[in-house]
């Protein structure tokens, strides 16, 4: 569904307003939330495949090979998850912004003003 010119302008104004009021929040929407280090991802996938092969091979011969395969698979998943890092590098969550009626009131007033124009 296409937006009208007025809706596009309104959306652009809201984006500019958001960027001006809370640049940290706006930056979270303009870039991907996470990245995976390629080397760790490749290592984890190879580890998963080797662990799976050892798990299956151990089922037909020695049980301890299956256990080793499972441990390798578990370690590979841990490596993959630990390589998944947020782009911001922040370790603590951001404090919640106070959501007073003043912001919503101003937003509603702007909406009414635009509708009247």
Protein backbone atom coordinates (compact mmCIF):
# COMPACT_ATOMS: atom_id res chain seq x y z
CA UNK A 1 0.00 0.00 0.00
CA UNK A 2 1.53 3.27 -1.12
CA UNK A 3 1.74 6.31 1.10
CA UNK A 4 0.44 9.68 0.05
CA UNK A 5 2.78 12.66 -0.14
CA UNK A 6 1.36 14.05 3.10
CA UNK A 7 1.92 10.74 4.86
CA UNK A 8 5.49 10.56 3.57
CA UNK A 9 6.18 14.07 4.85
CA UNK A 10 4.62 13.18 8.20
CA UNK A 11 6.72 10.04 8.44
CA UNK A 12 9.88 11.98 7.57
CA UNK A 13 9.05 14.58 10.23
CA UNK A 14 8.46 11.87 12.82
CA UNK A 15 11.78 10.24 11.95
CA UNK A 16 13.60 13.56 12.25
CA UNK A 17 11.86 14.24 15.55
CA UNK A 18 12.84 10.83 16.88
CA UNK A 19 16.44 11.32 15.79
CA UNK A 20 16.55 14.74 17.45
CA UNK A 21 14.93 13.60 20.70
CA UNK A 22 16.62 10.22 21.14
CA UNK A 23 19.56 9.60 18.79
CA UNK A 24 20.57 6.40 20.60
CA UNK A 25 17.16 4.83 19.97
CA UNK A 26 17.11 6.04 16.38
CA UNK A 27 20.52 4.53 15.73
CA UNK A 28 19.22 1.13 16.86
CA UNK A 29 16.72 1.17 14.00
CA UNK A 30 19.17 2.25 11.32
CA UNK A 31 21.67 -0.61 11.57
CA UNK A 32 21.53 -4.35 12.01
CA UNK A 33 21.17 -5.35 15.67
CA UNK A 34 23.91 -8.01 15.81
CA UNK A 35 26.88 -9.29 13.93
CA UNK A 36 28.59 -12.65 13.92
CA UNK A 37 32.35 -12.93 13.63
CA UNK A 38 32.97 -14.94 10.46
CA UNK A 39 35.91 -16.94 11.82
CA UNK A 40 33.99 -18.09 14.86
CA UNK A 41 30.94 -18.95 12.76
CA UNK A 42 33.01 -21.13 10.42
CA UNK A 43 34.72 -22.80 13.38
CA UNK A 44 31.35 -23.48 15.02
CA UNK A 45 29.84 -24.98 11.85
CA UNK A 46 32.87 -27.22 11.31
CA UNK A 47 32.70 -28.27 14.95
CA UNK A 48 29.02 -29.07 14.64
CA UNK A 49 29.64 -31.24 11.58
CA UNK A 50 32.57 -33.07 13.19
CA UNK A 51 30.59 -33.57 16.39
CA UNK A 52 27.60 -34.91 14.48
CA UNK A 53 29.80 -37.31 12.55
CA UNK A 54 31.40 -38.54 15.80
CA UNK A 55 27.98 -38.88 17.41
CA UNK A 56 26.64 -41.02 14.57
CA UNK A 57 29.87 -43.06 14.22
CA UNK A 58 29.97 -43.73 17.93
CA UNK A 59 26.46 -45.16 17.93
CA UNK A 60 27.57 -48.09 15.85
CA UNK A 61 30.90 -48.75 17.59
CA UNK A 62 31.91 -47.25 20.95
CA UNK A 63 29.56 -45.21 23.13
CA UNK A 64 32.33 -42.87 24.34
CA UNK A 65 32.87 -41.60 20.78
CA UNK A 66 29.23 -40.49 20.79
CA UNK A 67 29.77 -38.69 24.07
CA UNK A 68 32.81 -36.89 22.67
CA UNK A 69 30.81 -35.95 19.57
CA UNK A 70 28.05 -34.53 21.72
CA UNK A 71 30.54 -32.49 23.76
CA UNK A 72 32.12 -31.15 20.57
CA UNK A 73 28.68 -30.15 19.26
CA UNK A 74 27.85 -28.45 22.56
CA UNK A 75 31.13 -26.53 22.52
CA UNK A 76 30.49 -25.47 18.92
CA UNK A 77 27.12 -24.03 19.83
CA UNK A 78 28.74 -22.17 22.73
CA UNK A 79 31.38 -20.75 20.37
CA UNK A 80 28.70 -19.62 17.93
CA UNK A 81 26.62 -17.96 20.64
CA UNK A 82 29.60 -16.25 22.25
CA UNK A 83 30.66 -14.89 18.83
CA UNK A 84 27.28 -13.23 18.44
CA UNK A 85 27.97 -9.71 19.71
CA UNK A 86 25.78 -6.60 19.76
CA UNK A 87 27.03 -3.75 17.60
CA UNK A 88 26.85 -1.18 20.35
CA UNK A 89 29.14 -3.04 22.72
CA UNK A 90 26.99 -2.03 25.67
CA UNK A 91 26.81 -4.75 28.29
CA UNK A 92 24.15 -3.20 30.46
CA UNK A 93 20.64 -2.49 29.20
CA UNK A 94 19.68 1.10 28.63
CA UNK A 95 17.59 2.76 31.31
CA UNK A 96 13.94 2.99 30.33
CA UNK A 97 12.87 6.39 29.15
CA UNK A 98 10.12 8.06 31.16
CA UNK A 99 6.93 7.89 29.14
CA UNK A 100 5.00 10.86 30.37
CA UNK A 101 1.86 12.22 28.81
CA UNK A 102 3.78 15.30 27.75
CA UNK A 103 5.36 13.43 24.83
CA UNK A 104 2.11 11.78 23.82
CA UNK A 105 0.24 15.03 24.28
CA UNK A 106 2.68 16.88 22.02
CA UNK A 107 2.47 14.10 19.46
CA UNK A 108 -1.33 14.19 19.45
CA UNK A 109 -1.30 17.99 19.20
CA UNK A 110 1.05 17.85 16.21
CA UNK A 111 -1.22 15.28 14.59
CA UNK A 112 -4.28 17.51 15.11
CA UNK A 113 -2.41 20.53 13.77
CA UNK A 114 -1.43 18.63 10.62
CA UNK A 115 -4.93 17.35 10.10
CA UNK A 116 -6.32 20.88 10.31
CA UNK A 117 -3.93 22.17 7.64
